[in-house]
Amino acid sequence: MVALIVILFPPLVIAFLLVMERVEEPLRRPAGPREVAEFLSTASAGEVDTLANSGIRRAMARWRRRRASRVRRQAEPPVV
């Protein structure tokens, strides 16, 4: 049992690190002036509140998630 843990632990840690790098990449990317202008023109009240309380990074992340979910919903075919 211990040998199995010793063998599986390093690959699991590496896999976790690779997944976390993908998650963190959009957070490290700075928001460009065009994206900030689009955010300010289309942000919801909740996103503006997040901007005031938590800063631009968290507000932009929330706004990007909302945009991504809207694009996914538009791309899905209607269920009949």
N, C-alpha and C. Protein backbone atom coordinates (compact mmCIF):
# COMPACT_ATOMS: atom_id res chain seq x y z
N MET A 1 0.82 -1.19 0.00
CA MET A 1 0.00 0.00 0.00
C MET A 1 0.87 1.26 0.00
N VAL A 2 1.90 1.27 0.84
CA VAL A 2 2.81 2.41 0.91
C VAL A 2 3.54 2.60 -0.41
N ALA A 3 3.93 1.50 -1.02
CA ALA A 3 4.62 1.58 -2.31
C ALA A 3 3.71 2.20 -3.37
N LEU A 4 2.44 1.87 -3.35
CA LEU A 4 1.49 2.44 -4.29
C LEU A 4 1.36 3.95 -4.09
N ILE A 5 1.32 4.39 -2.84
CA ILE A 5 1.23 5.81 -2.54
C ILE A 5 2.50 6.52 -3.00
N VAL A 6 3.66 5.92 -2.75
CA VAL A 6 4.93 6.51 -3.15
C VAL A 6 5.01 6.63 -4.67
N ILE A 7 4.47 5.68 -5.38
CA ILE A 7 4.52 5.70 -6.84
C ILE A 7 3.50 6.70 -7.42
N LEU A 8 2.32 6.79 -6.85
CA LEU A 8 1.26 7.64 -7.42
C LEU A 8 1.31 9.10 -6.98
N PHE A 9 1.90 9.38 -5.84
CA PHE A 9 1.87 10.74 -5.32
C PHE A 9 2.55 11.77 -6.24
N PRO A 10 3.78 11.54 -6.72
CA PRO A 10 4.42 12.54 -7.58
C PRO A 10 3.64 12.85 -8.88
N PRO A 11 3.14 11.84 -9.61
CA PRO A 11 2.36 12.18 -10.80
C PRO A 11 1.08 12.95 -10.48
N LEU A 12 0.45 12.64 -9.36
CA LEU A 12 -0.76 13.37 -8.98
C LEU A 12 -0.44 14.83 -8.65
N VAL A 13 0.66 15.07 -7.98
CA VAL A 13 1.06 16.45 -7.67
C VAL A 13 1.38 17.21 -8.95
N ILE A 14 2.08 16.58 -9.87
CA ILE A 14 2.40 17.23 -11.14
C ILE A 14 1.13 17.52 -11.93
N ALA A 15 0.20 16.60 -11.97
CA ALA A 15 -1.07 16.83 -12.66
C ALA A 15 -1.83 17.99 -12.02
N PHE A 16 -1.86 18.05 -10.70
CA PHE A 16 -2.52 19.14 -10.01
C PHE A 16 -1.87 20.48 -10.35
N LEU A 17 -0.55 20.52 -10.38
CA LEU A 17 0.16 21.76 -10.71
C LEU A 17 -0.13 22.21 -12.14
N LEU A 18 -0.22 21.27 -13.07
CA LEU A 18 -0.53 21.63 -14.46
C LEU A 18 -1.95 22.19 -14.58
N VAL A 19 -2.89 21.61 -13.87
CA VAL A 19 -4.27 22.11 -13.88
C VAL A 19 -4.33 23.50 -13.27
N MET A 20 -3.65 23.69 -12.15
CA MET A 20 -3.67 24.99 -11.49
C MET A 20 -3.01 26.07 -12.35
N GLU A 21 -2.01 25.71 -13.12
CA GLU A 21 -1.38 26.68 -14.02
C GLU A 21 -2.37 27.16 -15.07
N ARG A 22 -3.17 26.25 -15.58
CA ARG A 22 -4.20 26.65 -16.56
C ARG A 22 -5.26 27.55 -15.92
N VAL A 23 -5.60 27.28 -14.68
CA VAL A 23 -6.59 28.09 -13.98
C VAL A 23 -6.03 29.49 -13.71
N GLU A 24 -4.76 29.57 -13.34
CA GLU A 24 -4.17 30.85 -12.96
C GLU A 24 -3.77 31.71 -14.15
N GLU A 25 -3.58 31.14 -15.31
CA GLU A 25 -3.09 31.90 -16.47
C GLU A 25 -3.97 33.09 -16.80
N PRO A 26 -5.30 32.95 -16.89
CA PRO A 26 -6.11 34.14 -17.18
C PRO A 26 -6.07 35.18 -16.06
N LEU A 27 -5.81 34.75 -14.85
CA LEU A 27 -5.74 35.69 -13.73
C LEU A 27 -4.46 36.51 -13.77
N ARG A 28 -3.40 35.95 -14.31
CA ARG A 28 -2.13 36.67 -14.41
C ARG A 28 -2.10 37.63 -15.59
N ARG A 29 -2.94 37.38 -16.58
CA ARG A 29 -2.96 38.21 -17.77
C ARG A 29 -3.57 39.57 -17.43
N PRO A 30 -2.85 40.66 -17.68
CA PRO A 30 -3.43 41.97 -17.37
C PRO A 30 -4.55 42.32 -18.33
N ALA A 31 -5.49 43.06 -17.84
CA ALA A 31 -6.60 43.50 -18.67
C ALA A 31 -6.13 44.66 -19.55
N GLY A 32 -6.40 44.55 -20.84
CA GLY A 32 -6.02 45.62 -21.75
C GLY A 32 -7.01 46.77 -21.70
N PRO A 33 -6.63 47.92 -22.24
CA PRO A 33 -7.52 49.09 -22.21
C PRO A 33 -8.85 48.84 -22.92
N ARG A 34 -8.80 48.07 -23.99
CA ARG A 34 -10.03 47.77 -24.73
C ARG A 34 -10.98 46.93 -23.90
N GLU A 35 -10.41 45.93 -23.20
CA GLU A 35 -11.22 45.05 -22.37
C GLU A 35 -11.80 45.82 -21.18
N VAL A 36 -11.02 46.73 -20.60
CA VAL A 36 -11.52 47.54 -19.48
C VAL A 36 -12.65 48.44 -19.95
N ALA A 37 -12.50 49.04 -21.14
CA ALA A 37 -13.56 49.90 -21.68
C ALA A 37 -14.84 49.10 -21.92
N GLU A 38 -14.69 47.88 -22.45
CA GLU A 38 -15.87 47.03 -22.68
C GLU A 38 -16.49 46.62 -21.35
N PHE A 39 -15.65 46.34 -20.35
CA PHE A 39 -16.16 46.00 -19.02
C PHE A 39 -16.99 47.15 -18.46
N LEU A 40 -16.45 48.35 -18.54
CA LEU A 40 -17.16 49.50 -17.98
C LEU A 40 -18.48 49.78 -18.68
N SER A 41 -18.56 49.45 -19.97
CA SER A 41 -19.81 49.72 -20.68
C SER A 41 -20.84 48.61 -20.53
N THR A 42 -20.40 47.39 -20.18
CA THR A 42 -21.35 46.27 -20.12
C THR A 42 -21.45 45.61 -18.76
N ALA A 43 -20.79 46.12 -17.75
CA ALA A 43 -20.77 45.48 -16.43
C ALA A 43 -22.13 45.57 -15.76
N SER A 44 -22.47 44.50 -15.05
CA SER A 44 -23.71 44.50 -14.27
C SER A 44 -23.46 45.21 -12.94
N ALA A 45 -24.52 45.45 -12.21
CA ALA A 45 -24.39 46.13 -10.91
C ALA A 45 -23.53 45.31 -9.95
N GLY A 46 -23.68 44.00 -9.97
CA GLY A 46 -22.89 43.14 -9.10
C GLY A 46 -21.41 43.19 -9.44
N GLU A 47 -21.10 43.27 -10.72
CA GLU A 47 -19.70 43.35 -11.13
C GLU A 47 -19.08 44.70 -10.74
N VAL A 48 -19.85 45.76 -10.85
CA VAL A 48 -19.36 47.07 -10.41
C VAL A 48 -19.14 47.07 -8.90
N ASP A 49 -20.02 46.41 -8.17
CA ASP A 49 -19.86 46.29 -6.72
C ASP A 49 -18.59 45.50 -6.39
N THR A 50 -18.34 44.44 -7.15
CA THR A 50 -17.11 43.66 -6.96
C THR A 50 -15.90 44.52 -7.25
N LEU A 51 -15.98 45.36 -8.27
CA LEU A 51 -14.89 46.27 -8.60
C LEU A 51 -14.60 47.22 -7.44
N ALA A 52 -15.64 47.75 -6.85
CA ALA A 52 -15.46 48.69 -5.74
C ALA A 52 -14.92 48.00 -4.49
N ASN A 53 -15.35 46.79 -4.23
CA ASN A 53 -14.96 46.10 -2.99
C ASN A 53 -13.67 45.30 -3.12
N SER A 54 -13.45 44.65 -4.27
CA SER A 54 -12.35 43.70 -4.37
C SER A 54 -11.28 44.08 -5.39
N GLY A 55 -11.53 45.05 -6.22
CA GLY A 55 -10.52 45.47 -7.19
C GLY A 55 -10.82 44.98 -8.59
N ILE A 56 -10.00 45.46 -9.51
CA ILE A 56 -10.24 45.22 -10.93
C ILE A 56 -10.04 43.75 -11.31
N ARG A 57 -9.05 43.08 -10.71
CA ARG A 57 -8.81 41.68 -11.11
C ARG A 57 -10.01 40.78 -10.85
N ARG A 58 -10.57 40.88 -9.66
CA ARG A 58 -11.70 40.02 -9.30
C ARG A 58 -12.94 40.39 -10.13
N ALA A 59 -13.14 41.71 -10.34
CA ALA A 59 -14.28 42.14 -11.13
C ALA A 59 -14.15 41.68 -12.58
N MET A 60 -12.95 41.77 -13.15
CA MET A 60 -12.74 41.31 -14.52
C MET A 60 -12.93 39.80 -14.63
N ALA A 61 -12.50 39.06 -13.63
CA ALA A 61 -12.68 37.61 -13.65
C ALA A 61 -14.17 37.26 -13.64
N ARG A 62 -14.93 37.96 -12.83
CA ARG A 62 -16.38 37.72 -12.76
C ARG A 62 -17.03 38.06 -14.10
N TRP A 63 -16.61 39.18 -14.69
CA TRP A 63 -17.17 39.63 -15.97
C TRP A 63 -16.82 38.64 -17.08
N ARG A 64 -15.57 38.13 -17.08
CA ARG A 64 -15.16 37.15 -18.10
C ARG A 64 -15.96 35.86 -17.98
N ARG A 65 -16.21 35.42 -16.73
CA ARG A 65 -17.03 34.20 -16.54
C ARG A 65 -18.43 34.40 -17.09
N ARG A 66 -19.01 35.59 -16.83
CA ARG A 66 -20.36 35.86 -17.33
C ARG A 66 -20.38 35.86 -18.86
N ARG A 67 -19.39 36.49 -19.47
CA ARG A 67 -19.31 36.51 -20.93
C ARG A 67 -19.12 35.12 -21.50
N ALA A 68 -18.27 34.31 -20.87
CA ALA A 68 -18.01 32.95 -21.35
C ALA A 68 -19.27 32.10 -21.26
N SER A 69 -20.04 32.25 -20.18
CA SER A 69 -21.26 31.45 -20.05
C SER A 69 -22.30 31.89 -21.07
N ARG A 70 -22.34 33.19 -21.38
CA ARG A 70 -23.28 33.68 -22.38
C ARG A 70 -22.93 33.14 -23.77
N VAL A 71 -21.63 33.09 -24.09
CA VAL A 71 -21.19 32.56 -25.38
C VAL A 71 -21.51 31.08 -25.47
N ARG A 72 -21.30 30.34 -24.36
CA ARG A 72 -21.62 28.91 -24.36
C ARG A 72 -23.10 28.67 -24.57
N ARG A 73 -23.93 29.50 -23.92
CA ARG A 73 -25.39 29.33 -24.07
C ARG A 73 -25.83 29.61 -25.51
N GLN A 74 -25.23 30.58 -26.15
CA GLN A 74 -25.59 30.92 -27.54
C GLN A 74 -25.12 29.84 -28.50
N ALA A 75 -24.02 29.17 -28.18
CA ALA A 75 -23.47 28.14 -29.06
C ALA A 75 -24.22 26.83 -28.96
N GLU A 76 -24.92 26.58 -27.86
CA GLU A 76 -25.64 25.33 -27.68
C GLU A 76 -26.87 25.30 -28.57
N PRO A 77 -27.12 24.17 -29.23
CA PRO A 77 -28.33 24.08 -30.04
C PRO A 77 -29.56 23.98 -29.15
N PRO A 78 -30.67 24.51 -29.58
CA PRO A 78 -31.89 24.44 -28.76
C PRO A 78 -32.36 23.01 -28.57
N VAL A 79 -32.81 22.71 -27.38
CA VAL A 79 -33.32 21.38 -27.07
C VAL A 79 -34.80 21.33 -27.45
N VAL A 80 -35.15 20.32 -28.25
CA VAL A 80 -36.54 20.21 -28.72
C VAL A 80 -37.24 19.11 -27.98
